[in-house]
Amino acid sequence: MRTLYLVICLSLFAADCFAANNKMASGTVYCDTNRNNLRDKGEKGIPDVRISNGKDIVSTDKQGRYQITVDDETLIFIIKPKNWMTPVNEFQLPQFYYIHKPKGSPAKFEFPGSAPTGPLPASVDFPLYPVKEPTRFKVAVFGDTQISSEKGINSYARELEELVGKLDVAFGISLGDNTGNWLLMFDVSNRITSTLGKPWYNVQGNHDLNLDAENEKYSNETFERVYGPAYYAFDYGDVHFIVLDTVLTMRWKEDDKYLGYRGGLESDQIAFVRNDLAYLPKGKLVVLTMHIPLDYRAYDKENLKAFFNEISDRENIIALAGHNHILENSFLDANSLWPVFKPLHTMIVGAVCGSWWEGSLNEENIALGTMGCGAPNGYGIFQFDGNKYTMKYHAFDFPEDYQMRIWTPGKIFANQSAQTNIYVNFFAGSRKDTVEMKFGERGQWTKMKWCPDVDPFIKERNEIEKAAKGDTSVTIYDANQYYFSQHIWSALLPANPPAGIHVVYVRATDRYGQVFDGKRIIRVE
């Protein structure tokens, strides 16, 4: 009897604590006919729109109303449905959330978080306006812009100039590390990106954190103030996008001044993904966007397994990441902890800043920071059509059809030709692609061998950088020259070609059926 009484008391105490720390937020999702971000008379509620508190998900009723549990550190956000759009602010950042932090963020941070929001409003409403979203559309995907200096600001602005008024996409996504730990740079980064005139979603990276936070719970405060929740979801056309926060922070040692990090997803986020996917048909294409790639070497294995178990039954899924400053396609299988037979396609999409805006400057004062994989800095354009997708890489400062770099020695001796390799770096290539070459216009197409290796261009560039400095000091390419690029192909040149000038033709066919070509003029003696 005493045991029963104790259980009842503990249950009542727990309920009281829950009630003290949790409230019910309510509001309406409505059609903002005049787009003034206010619910005016006659603007009707929208049914069947999903709302989340970062874990639970509810749907609006026939009048567009909802109720959801919140505590005093909750971001309430809408999961944008197909053929509807949220407002954007002056920086083209989608406004799909409400921050409920009555006491605000901790005040001691070097970079400010949210100001106190006061009591929970009687109604937290979300405006949407109708748009016609095509089933076939393009998305620009930026990897690490990593602005942390005047050099980075100027280089990023110069690179985007070529895209202003010309970027033909529905919206853009940046995959984290908008800054290099100096979070005040969010402002200038957003201002530059907004010149493209497209709605722009953002992922949190490890250099976008409040590293002076007490723990993981408060490491997102500045990011949340600027961009909203660190993880969320939305629909566009027939595709469902989930933005993930794959940066878990911790102190490696108790006396560490700043937080460290590793790859991972905290439990509420995994629950959010589970609840979100429960609303979707199995065949719907799901695009996961994140900063740290889903690599078991960077994650706690049990944490990654738990996440994989939530997504592995999807029939159509792709994961896009940044962080590593390379281009790389992987197809995860059991060796990578992926639990089902059909591999998971993951892609690291490169870095806008290349190798951290390092390297010699070109005539426009932009750093030539070629990435460790040998690809130039750039961004990806993904085209979606129903549950299908294709991807094309766009290198800054090069023509749109520049998809590969071909490397041979500057001069080739005819009697050594058969022992001389030609190397092709097909920037967005993978082991599932085919690369061929032919020697001269009348030559026969020969299939090249996929052979992950250090791009010889990186070694060559390293020597150029050292010579330009006039010494043997360390350059950005010293580290890069040890990276085995996963998109290198090679083949031997034909034996005993005639002396003179010749053209080597290269043809690359990717896994989507897209065909790209390149040429290299060589001199034979």
Protein backbone atom coordinates (compact mmCIF):
# COMPACT_ATOMS: atom_id res chain seq x y z
CA MET A 1 0.00 0.00 0.00
CA ARG A 2 2.85 2.35 0.88
CA THR A 3 4.48 1.53 -2.47
CA LEU A 4 1.26 2.41 -4.33
CA TYR A 5 0.99 5.68 -2.40
CA LEU A 6 4.61 6.56 -3.27
CA VAL A 7 4.04 5.82 -6.96
CA ILE A 8 0.93 8.03 -6.99
CA CYS A 9 2.83 10.89 -5.27
CA LEU A 10 5.75 10.63 -7.67
CA SER A 11 3.37 10.58 -10.64
CA LEU A 12 1.57 13.69 -9.40
CA PHE A 13 4.91 15.43 -8.78
CA ALA A 14 6.09 14.59 -12.31
CA ALA A 15 2.81 15.87 -13.76
CA ASP A 16 3.15 19.12 -11.79
CA CYS A 17 6.72 19.58 -13.06
CA PHE A 18 5.59 18.92 -16.64
CA ALA A 19 2.76 21.43 -16.29
CA ALA A 20 5.12 24.01 -14.80
CA ASN A 21 7.64 23.68 -17.62
CA ASN A 22 5.30 22.97 -20.55
CA LYS A 23 2.41 24.90 -22.05
CA MET A 24 0.09 24.48 -24.99
CA ALA A 25 0.80 26.84 -27.84
CA SER A 26 -2.04 27.39 -30.26
CA GLY A 27 -2.62 29.38 -33.40
CA THR A 28 -3.71 29.35 -37.01
CA VAL A 29 -1.99 28.79 -40.33
CA TYR A 30 -3.76 31.11 -42.74
CA CYS A 31 -3.74 32.23 -46.36
CA ASP A 32 -2.11 35.67 -46.33
CA THR A 33 -3.89 37.00 -49.39
CA ASN A 34 -2.33 40.47 -49.33
CA ARG A 35 1.07 39.22 -48.03
CA ASN A 36 1.27 41.71 -45.17
CA ASN A 37 2.15 39.03 -42.57
CA LEU A 38 -1.02 39.87 -40.61
CA ARG A 39 -4.23 37.90 -40.46
CA ASP A 40 -6.83 40.25 -41.86
CA LYS A 41 -10.55 39.79 -41.92
CA GLY A 42 -11.59 37.16 -44.45
CA GLU A 43 -8.18 35.43 -44.63
CA LYS A 44 -9.04 31.78 -44.12
CA GLY A 45 -7.16 29.09 -42.23
CA ILE A 46 -5.40 26.32 -44.16
CA PRO A 47 -6.09 22.70 -43.17
CA ASP A 48 -3.62 19.81 -43.00
CA VAL A 49 -0.48 21.89 -42.51
CA ARG A 50 2.07 20.34 -40.16
CA ILE A 51 3.52 22.19 -37.17
CA SER A 52 6.41 21.01 -34.98
CA ASN A 53 8.06 21.88 -31.69
CA GLY A 54 11.29 20.15 -32.71
CA LYS A 55 10.05 16.70 -31.76
CA ASP A 56 6.28 16.32 -32.02
CA ILE A 57 4.29 17.12 -35.16
CA VAL A 58 0.62 18.04 -35.37
CA SER A 59 -1.62 18.96 -38.29
CA THR A 60 -3.97 21.91 -38.55
CA ASP A 61 -7.71 21.22 -38.50
CA LYS A 62 -10.27 22.29 -41.09
CA GLN A 63 -10.06 25.89 -39.89
CA GLY A 64 -6.24 25.89 -39.95
CA ARG A 65 -5.94 25.75 -36.17
CA TYR A 66 -3.40 23.77 -34.16
CA GLN A 67 -2.22 23.11 -30.62
CA ILE A 68 1.22 21.84 -29.62
CA THR A 69 3.21 21.47 -26.41
CA VAL A 70 6.06 23.93 -25.76
CA ASP A 71 8.46 24.73 -22.96
CA ASP A 72 10.31 27.99 -22.35
CA GLU A 73 13.04 27.20 -24.90
CA THR A 74 11.02 26.07 -27.91
CA LEU A 75 11.06 27.03 -31.56
CA ILE A 76 7.66 26.37 -33.12
CA PHE A 77 7.89 25.93 -36.85
CA ILE A 78 5.79 25.14 -39.85
CA ILE A 79 6.60 22.35 -42.33
CA LYS A 80 5.92 24.22 -45.56
CA PRO A 81 3.51 22.25 -47.76
CA LYS A 82 3.57 21.91 -51.53
CA ASN A 83 2.24 24.90 -53.50
CA TRP A 84 2.51 27.25 -50.52
CA MET A 85 5.29 29.65 -49.53
CA THR A 86 6.27 31.32 -46.29
CA PRO A 87 7.32 34.99 -46.16
CA VAL A 88 11.02 35.78 -46.51
CA ASN A 89 12.85 38.63 -44.79
CA GLU A 90 15.07 41.28 -46.37
CA PHE A 91 17.86 38.70 -46.73
CA GLN A 92 15.61 36.16 -48.51
CA LEU A 93 15.59 33.95 -45.41
CA PRO A 94 12.30 32.01 -45.04
CA GLN A 95 10.30 33.04 -41.97
CA PHE A 96 8.63 29.79 -40.96
CA TYR A 97 9.16 29.75 -37.19
CA TYR A 98 8.40 31.44 -33.90
CA ILE A 99 11.00 31.63 -31.12
CA HIS A 100 9.51 31.17 -27.66
CA LYS A 101 12.20 32.03 -25.11
CA PRO A 102 10.63 34.22 -22.42
CA LYS A 103 13.99 34.78 -20.72
CA GLY A 104 15.99 34.92 -23.95
CA SER A 105 19.34 33.27 -24.58
CA PRO A 106 22.11 33.16 -21.97
CA ALA A 107 23.57 36.66 -21.72
CA LYS A 108 27.24 35.70 -21.37
CA PHE A 109 27.77 34.68 -25.00
CA GLU A 110 30.35 36.42 -27.15
CA PHE A 111 27.80 36.45 -29.98
CA PRO A 112 24.21 37.28 -29.01
CA GLY A 113 21.34 34.86 -29.16
CA SER A 114 17.64 35.67 -28.88
CA ALA A 115 16.34 38.56 -26.81
CA PRO A 116 13.63 37.72 -24.25
CA THR A 117 10.39 37.03 -26.13
CA GLY A 118 8.07 37.52 -23.17
CA PRO A 119 4.96 35.45 -22.43
CA LEU A 120 3.59 33.01 -24.96
CA PRO A 121 1.17 34.86 -27.27
CA ALA A 122 -2.48 33.85 -27.14
CA SER A 123 -2.19 32.83 -30.79
CA VAL A 124 1.01 31.98 -32.69
CA ASP A 125 -0.08 32.32 -36.30
CA PHE A 126 1.79 31.46 -39.48
CA PRO A 127 1.08 33.15 -42.83
CA LEU A 128 1.36 31.28 -46.12
CA TYR A 129 0.56 32.40 -49.63
CA PRO A 130 -0.27 30.19 -52.61
CA VAL A 131 2.27 29.56 -55.35
CA LYS A 132 2.40 27.15 -58.26
CA GLU A 133 5.35 24.82 -57.75
CA PRO A 134 6.41 22.76 -60.79
CA THR A 135 7.30 19.10 -60.45
CA ARG A 136 10.51 19.80 -62.39
CA PHE A 137 12.74 22.39 -60.72
CA LYS A 138 16.33 23.25 -59.81
CA VAL A 139 18.00 23.99 -56.49
CA ALA A 140 21.37 25.65 -55.88
CA VAL A 141 23.38 23.92 -53.16
CA PHE A 142 26.31 25.76 -51.59
CA GLY A 143 28.92 24.07 -49.43
CA ASP A 144 31.01 25.95 -46.88
CA THR A 145 31.28 29.68 -47.65
CA GLN A 146 33.30 30.10 -44.45
CA ILE A 147 33.65 33.87 -44.26
CA SER A 148 35.96 34.94 -41.45
CA SER A 149 38.00 37.82 -42.87
CA GLU A 150 37.94 40.73 -45.28
CA LYS A 151 39.58 38.43 -47.85
CA GLY A 152 36.71 35.95 -47.51
CA ILE A 153 34.05 38.66 -47.73
CA ASN A 154 35.53 40.13 -50.90
CA SER A 155 36.14 36.75 -52.52
CA TYR A 156 32.58 35.54 -51.81
CA ALA A 157 31.09 38.75 -53.21
CA ARG A 158 33.24 38.59 -56.36
CA GLU A 159 32.31 34.95 -56.97
CA LEU A 160 28.57 35.62 -56.72
CA GLU A 161 28.65 38.55 -59.12
CA GLU A 162 28.47 36.18 -62.08
CA LEU A 163 25.22 34.69 -60.71
CA VAL A 164 23.27 37.87 -59.95
CA GLY A 165 20.16 37.93 -62.11
CA LYS A 166 21.17 34.68 -63.80
CA LEU A 167 20.69 31.94 -61.20
CA ASP A 168 17.78 29.90 -62.58
CA VAL A 169 16.68 27.98 -59.48
CA ALA A 170 13.59 27.75 -57.28
CA PHE A 171 15.64 28.32 -54.12
CA GLY A 172 19.05 27.76 -52.58
CA ILE A 173 20.44 25.86 -49.59
CA SER A 174 23.73 26.50 -47.81
CA LEU A 175 25.09 23.41 -46.07
CA GLY A 176 26.66 25.08 -43.07
CA ASP A 177 29.80 26.96 -42.06
CA ASN A 178 28.56 30.28 -43.35
CA THR A 179 31.21 31.75 -41.06
CA GLY A 180 34.53 30.72 -39.58
CA ASN A 181 33.48 30.89 -35.90
CA TRP A 182 33.04 34.70 -36.01
CA LEU A 183 29.24 34.66 -35.93
CA LEU A 184 28.86 38.38 -36.55
CA MET A 185 29.72 37.44 -40.15
CA PHE A 186 26.24 35.89 -40.54
CA ASP A 187 25.00 39.37 -41.42
CA VAL A 188 27.40 40.12 -44.26
CA SER A 189 27.15 36.55 -45.56
CA ASN A 190 23.36 36.82 -45.74
CA ARG A 191 23.51 40.23 -47.40
CA ILE A 192 25.81 38.93 -50.13
CA THR A 193 23.75 35.77 -50.71
CA SER A 194 20.53 37.79 -50.87
CA THR A 195 21.76 39.57 -54.01
CA LEU A 196 20.86 36.36 -55.86
CA GLY A 197 17.18 37.14 -55.18
CA LYS A 198 16.17 33.59 -54.25
CA PRO A 199 14.70 32.15 -51.04
CA TRP A 200 17.65 30.68 -49.17
CA TYR A 201 17.56 27.91 -46.56
CA ASN A 202 20.46 27.28 -44.21
CA VAL A 203 22.07 24.34 -42.42
CA GLN A 204 24.09 24.77 -39.24
CA GLY A 205 27.79 23.91 -39.42
CA ASN A 206 30.46 23.37 -36.78
CA HIS A 207 31.81 26.89 -37.41
CA ASP A 208 28.34 28.41 -36.87
CA LEU A 209 28.13 27.52 -33.17
CA ASN A 210 28.31 29.34 -29.87
CA LEU A 211 31.45 27.52 -28.81
CA ASP A 212 31.42 29.31 -25.46
CA ALA A 213 28.05 27.76 -24.58
CA GLU A 214 27.75 25.69 -21.45
CA ASN A 215 26.63 22.61 -23.38
CA GLU A 216 24.99 21.28 -26.54
CA LYS A 217 21.60 22.69 -25.55
CA TYR A 218 22.75 26.29 -25.92
CA SER A 219 25.26 25.95 -28.77
CA ASN A 220 22.73 27.03 -31.42
CA GLU A 221 21.54 30.31 -29.89
CA THR A 222 23.00 32.75 -32.43
CA PHE A 223 22.15 30.50 -35.37
CA GLU A 224 18.55 30.23 -34.16
CA ARG A 225 18.24 34.00 -33.77
CA VAL A 226 19.35 34.53 -37.38
CA TYR A 227 18.00 31.48 -39.24
CA GLY A 228 15.50 29.74 -36.96
CA PRO A 229 15.58 26.05 -35.94
CA ALA A 230 18.76 24.09 -36.55
CA TYR A 231 16.68 21.27 -38.06
CA TYR A 232 13.36 21.41 -39.90
CA ALA A 233 11.62 20.21 -43.07
CA PHE A 234 9.64 21.52 -46.03
CA ASP A 235 8.06 20.40 -49.28
CA TYR A 236 8.67 21.83 -52.71
CA GLY A 237 6.98 20.30 -55.74
CA ASP A 238 6.94 16.53 -55.27
CA VAL A 239 10.11 16.49 -53.14
CA HIS A 240 10.47 16.54 -49.36
CA PHE A 241 13.53 18.27 -47.90
CA ILE A 242 14.79 17.62 -44.37
CA VAL A 243 17.42 19.97 -43.00
CA LEU A 244 19.46 18.19 -40.32
CA ASP A 245 21.78 19.36 -37.56
CA THR A 246 24.56 16.76 -37.63
CA VAL A 247 26.94 18.62 -35.31
CA LEU A 248 26.93 17.34 -31.72
CA THR A 249 28.93 19.44 -29.29
CA MET A 250 30.64 18.39 -26.09
CA ARG A 251 33.68 19.19 -23.97
CA TRP A 252 36.36 16.61 -24.54
CA LYS A 253 37.86 17.56 -21.17
CA GLU A 254 36.09 19.17 -18.23
CA ASP A 255 38.39 22.19 -18.18
CA ASP A 256 38.13 22.92 -21.92
CA LYS A 257 37.18 26.57 -22.46
CA TYR A 258 35.30 25.90 -25.70
CA LEU A 259 33.04 23.16 -26.95
CA GLY A 260 34.34 20.49 -29.28
CA TYR A 261 32.19 18.54 -31.71
CA ARG A 262 31.62 15.32 -33.57
CA GLY A 263 29.03 14.07 -36.04
CA GLY A 264 25.69 13.03 -34.60
CA LEU A 265 22.00 13.77 -34.06
CA GLU A 266 20.43 14.26 -30.65
CA SER A 267 17.42 12.15 -29.69
CA ASP A 268 14.69 14.78 -30.17
CA GLN A 269 15.88 15.36 -33.72
CA ILE A 270 15.76 11.65 -34.52
CA ALA A 271 12.21 11.58 -33.11
CA PHE A 272 11.33 14.58 -35.30
CA VAL A 273 12.58 12.77 -38.40
CA ARG A 274 10.60 9.66 -37.44
CA ASN A 275 7.42 11.68 -36.95
CA ASP A 276 7.97 13.67 -40.13
CA LEU A 277 8.51 10.65 -42.36
CA ALA A 278 5.36 9.00 -40.95
CA TYR A 279 3.33 11.53 -42.95
CA LEU A 280 5.02 10.69 -46.27
CA PRO A 281 4.37 7.93 -48.81
CA LYS A 282 7.30 5.51 -49.07
CA GLY A 283 8.04 6.40 -52.69
CA LYS A 284 8.36 10.15 -52.17
CA LEU A 285 11.85 11.50 -52.80
CA VAL A 286 13.44 12.66 -49.54
CA VAL A 287 16.46 14.96 -49.71
CA LEU A 288 18.50 15.10 -46.50
CA THR A 289 20.70 18.17 -46.18
CA MET A 290 23.36 18.44 -43.48
CA HIS A 291 26.82 19.71 -42.67
CA ILE A 292 28.83 16.72 -41.43
CA PRO A 293 28.38 13.76 -43.84
CA LEU A 294 26.87 10.47 -42.64
CA ASP A 295 30.27 8.85 -42.20
CA TYR A 296 30.50 6.29 -39.39
CA ARG A 297 34.12 7.35 -38.77
CA ALA A 298 32.92 10.80 -37.65
CA TYR A 299 29.91 9.61 -35.60
CA ASP A 300 29.13 7.54 -32.58
CA LYS A 301 28.21 4.28 -34.27
CA GLU A 302 25.12 3.56 -32.16
CA ASN A 303 23.82 7.07 -32.77
CA LEU A 304 24.25 6.69 -36.52
CA LYS A 305 22.59 3.26 -36.48
CA ALA A 306 19.59 4.72 -34.65
CA PHE A 307 19.21 7.40 -37.31
CA PHE A 308 19.69 4.95 -40.18
CA ASN A 309 16.95 2.75 -38.75
CA GLU A 310 14.50 5.64 -39.11
CA ILE A 311 15.25 6.37 -42.76
CA SER A 312 16.34 3.04 -44.28
CA ASP A 313 12.86 2.04 -45.45
CA ARG A 314 12.61 5.02 -47.82
CA GLU A 315 12.52 4.02 -51.47
CA ASN A 316 14.02 7.26 -52.79
CA ILE A 317 16.49 9.19 -50.65
CA ILE A 318 19.71 11.16 -51.08
CA ALA A 319 21.93 12.86 -48.48
CA LEU A 320 23.80 16.11 -49.30
CA ALA A 321 26.59 17.39 -47.06
CA GLY A 322 29.44 19.88 -46.80
CA HIS A 323 32.17 20.10 -44.14
CA ASN A 324 35.05 18.30 -45.90
CA HIS A 325 35.78 20.88 -48.63
CA ILE A 326 35.73 18.24 -51.36
CA LEU A 327 33.42 16.82 -53.98
CA GLU A 328 32.67 13.17 -53.34
CA ASN A 329 29.93 10.67 -54.11
CA SER A 330 29.52 7.67 -51.83
CA PHE A 331 27.06 4.81 -51.88
CA LEU A 332 26.67 3.60 -48.32
CA ASP A 333 26.26 -0.13 -47.67
CA ALA A 334 26.64 -2.52 -44.74
CA ASN A 335 30.31 -1.58 -44.36
CA SER A 336 29.11 1.96 -43.60
CA LEU A 337 26.41 0.75 -41.14
CA TRP A 338 23.64 1.25 -43.73
CA PRO A 339 21.21 -1.56 -42.86
CA VAL A 340 19.51 -2.36 -46.18
CA PHE A 341 20.69 -3.76 -49.50
CA LYS A 342 19.92 -0.68 -51.63
CA PRO A 343 22.83 1.73 -51.06
CA LEU A 344 22.25 5.25 -49.76
CA HIS A 345 23.63 7.86 -52.15
CA THR A 346 25.47 10.56 -50.20
CA MET A 347 27.26 13.48 -51.78
CA ILE A 348 29.66 16.02 -50.37
CA VAL A 349 28.96 18.93 -52.71
CA GLY A 350 32.22 20.85 -52.40
CA ALA A 351 32.92 24.25 -50.88
CA VAL A 352 32.16 27.71 -52.20
CA CYS A 353 35.35 28.87 -50.44
CA GLY A 354 37.38 26.01 -51.93
CA SER A 355 40.31 25.58 -49.57
CA TRP A 356 39.21 28.25 -47.09
CA TRP A 357 39.78 31.17 -49.52
CA GLU A 358 43.49 30.34 -49.47
CA GLY A 359 45.95 30.23 -52.35
CA SER A 360 47.24 32.85 -54.77
CA LEU A 361 44.84 35.56 -55.93
CA ASN A 362 43.68 35.82 -59.52
CA GLU A 363 43.24 39.08 -61.44
CA GLU A 364 39.94 39.69 -59.64
CA ASN A 365 41.64 39.24 -56.24
CA ILE A 366 39.81 35.95 -55.65
CA ALA A 367 41.74 33.14 -54.01
CA LEU A 368 42.44 30.14 -56.24
CA GLY A 369 41.81 27.69 -53.39
CA THR A 370 41.38 24.47 -55.35
CA MET A 371 39.91 21.80 -53.09
CA GLY A 372 41.84 18.77 -51.91
CA CYS A 373 40.03 16.55 -54.42
CA GLY A 374 41.39 18.71 -57.25
CA ALA A 375 38.08 20.38 -58.11
CA PRO A 376 37.79 24.17 -58.28
CA ASN A 377 35.61 25.94 -55.75
CA GLY A 378 31.98 26.06 -56.86
CA TYR A 379 28.48 24.80 -56.11
CA GLY A 380 25.97 22.18 -57.20
CA ILE A 381 22.80 22.57 -59.22
CA PHE A 382 20.37 19.73 -58.52
CA GLN A 383 17.43 19.21 -60.85
CA PHE A 384 14.43 17.35 -59.51
CA ASP A 385 11.62 15.78 -61.49
CA GLY A 386 9.17 13.80 -59.36
CA ASN A 387 11.27 11.27 -57.47
CA LYS A 388 14.22 11.53 -59.86
CA TYR A 389 17.19 13.87 -59.68
CA THR A 390 20.34 14.85 -61.56
CA MET A 391 23.29 16.97 -60.50
CA LYS A 392 25.72 19.25 -62.30
CA TYR A 393 28.69 20.96 -60.73
CA HIS A 394 29.35 24.63 -61.48
CA ALA A 395 32.92 25.85 -60.96
CA PHE A 396 33.28 29.54 -60.27
CA ASP A 397 35.18 31.54 -62.90
CA PHE A 398 34.86 28.80 -65.51
CA PRO A 399 32.30 28.15 -68.28
CA GLU A 400 29.24 26.09 -67.32
CA ASP A 401 30.47 23.11 -69.36
CA TYR A 402 33.77 22.94 -67.48
CA GLN A 403 33.26 19.59 -65.74
CA MET A 404 36.73 18.07 -65.79
CA ARG A 405 40.43 18.81 -65.73
CA ILE A 406 42.75 16.77 -67.95
CA TRP A 407 46.39 16.44 -66.94
CA THR A 408 49.40 15.22 -68.89
CA PRO A 409 53.06 16.20 -68.83
CA GLY A 410 53.73 19.34 -70.85
CA LYS A 411 55.96 17.49 -73.29
CA ILE A 412 55.85 13.79 -74.23
CA PHE A 413 58.54 11.79 -75.99
CA ALA A 414 57.18 9.40 -78.62
CA ASN A 415 59.25 6.45 -77.40
CA GLN A 416 57.92 6.90 -73.85
CA SER A 417 54.29 7.54 -74.75
CA ALA A 418 53.07 4.03 -73.95
CA GLN A 419 54.33 4.46 -70.37
CA THR A 420 52.80 7.92 -69.94
CA ASN A 421 49.48 8.33 -68.17
CA ILE A 422 46.79 10.83 -68.89
CA TYR A 423 44.69 11.73 -65.83
CA VAL A 424 41.14 13.04 -65.80
CA ASN A 425 39.54 14.65 -62.78
CA PHE A 426 35.79 14.46 -63.49
CA PHE A 427 34.78 16.78 -60.69
CA ALA A 428 31.34 15.40 -59.78
CA GLY A 429 32.16 11.89 -60.94
CA SER A 430 31.77 8.62 -59.07
CA ARG A 431 32.72 4.98 -59.47
CA LYS A 432 29.37 4.48 -61.21
CA ASP A 433 30.36 6.78 -64.10
CA THR A 434 32.19 6.03 -67.33
CA VAL A 435 35.12 8.09 -68.64
CA GLU A 436 36.65 7.45 -72.06
CA MET A 437 39.46 8.97 -74.13
CA LYS A 438 40.67 8.94 -77.71
CA PHE A 439 43.93 10.15 -79.21
CA GLY A 440 43.24 12.41 -82.16
CA GLU A 441 39.98 12.96 -83.93
CA ARG A 442 40.21 9.60 -85.73
CA GLY A 443 41.26 7.62 -82.68
CA GLN A 444 39.17 4.93 -81.02
CA TRP A 445 37.35 5.60 -77.77
CA THR A 446 39.06 3.74 -74.94
CA LYS A 447 37.56 3.27 -71.50
CA MET A 448 39.69 4.83 -68.77
CA LYS A 449 40.30 3.25 -65.37
CA TRP A 450 38.69 4.68 -62.24
CA CYS A 451 41.65 5.03 -59.88
CA PRO A 452 41.24 7.17 -56.74
CA ASP A 453 44.50 9.02 -56.34
CA VAL A 454 46.09 12.36 -55.56
CA ASP A 455 45.30 14.73 -58.41
CA PRO A 456 48.66 15.49 -60.10
CA PHE A 457 47.40 19.04 -60.62
CA ILE A 458 47.47 19.52 -56.83
CA LYS A 459 51.15 18.54 -56.66
CA GLU A 460 51.92 20.81 -59.61
CA ARG A 461 49.97 23.69 -58.06
CA ASN A 462 51.83 23.24 -54.79
CA GLU A 463 55.17 23.83 -56.48
CA ILE A 464 53.81 26.91 -58.26
CA GLU A 465 52.57 28.35 -54.95
CA LYS A 466 55.96 27.76 -53.30
CA ALA A 467 57.81 29.32 -56.21
CA ALA A 468 55.52 32.36 -56.12
CA LYS A 469 56.37 32.86 -52.44
CA GLY A 470 60.06 32.51 -53.17
CA ASP A 471 60.58 29.99 -50.41
CA THR A 472 59.52 26.55 -49.25
CA SER A 473 56.95 27.69 -46.68
CA VAL A 474 53.77 25.72 -46.15
CA THR A 475 50.96 26.36 -48.66
CA ILE A 476 47.32 25.31 -48.62
CA TYR A 477 48.23 22.58 -51.10
CA ASP A 478 50.69 20.89 -48.75
CA ALA A 479 47.76 19.29 -46.92
CA ASN A 480 45.68 18.77 -50.06
CA GLN A 481 48.37 16.83 -51.90
CA TYR A 482 47.85 13.85 -49.61
CA TYR A 483 44.12 13.49 -50.32
CA PHE A 484 43.05 10.60 -52.55
CA SER A 485 40.41 12.09 -54.84
CA GLN A 486 37.52 9.73 -55.59
CA HIS A 487 36.95 11.11 -59.09
CA ILE A 488 40.22 10.41 -60.89
CA TRP A 489 40.50 8.28 -64.04
CA SER A 490 43.68 7.36 -65.91
CA ALA A 491 44.82 5.66 -69.10
CA LEU A 492 48.08 5.18 -70.96
CA LEU A 493 48.67 7.11 -74.14
CA PRO A 494 49.13 5.10 -77.37
CA ALA A 495 52.60 3.87 -78.30
CA ASN A 496 54.84 5.80 -80.67
CA PRO A 497 52.54 8.60 -81.83
CA PRO A 498 53.96 10.81 -84.57
CA ALA A 499 55.83 13.91 -83.44
CA GLY A 500 53.81 17.08 -83.47
CA ILE A 501 50.75 18.63 -81.84
CA HIS A 502 47.84 16.32 -81.00
CA VAL A 503 44.43 16.62 -79.34
CA VAL A 504 43.30 14.16 -76.69
CA TYR A 505 39.52 13.94 -76.43
CA VAL A 506 37.75 12.88 -73.22
CA ARG A 507 34.10 11.90 -72.80
CA ALA A 508 32.46 11.38 -69.40
CA THR A 509 29.01 9.84 -68.96
CA ASP A 510 27.61 10.15 -65.46
CA ARG A 511 25.14 7.88 -63.66
CA TYR A 512 22.24 10.08 -64.81
CA GLY A 513 23.13 9.71 -68.51
CA GLN A 514 24.54 13.23 -68.81
CA VAL A 515 27.52 13.42 -71.19
CA PHE A 516 30.36 15.91 -70.79
CA ASP A 517 33.50 16.35 -72.86
CA GLY A 518 36.94 17.86 -72.54
CA LYS A 519 40.08 18.25 -74.62
CA ARG A 520 43.80 18.48 -74.00
CA ILE A 521 46.39 19.60 -76.55
CA ILE A 522 49.70 17.80 -76.13
CA ARG A 523 53.11 18.07 -77.76
CA VAL A 524 54.97 14.93 -78.84
CA GLU A 525 58.67 14.93 -79.69
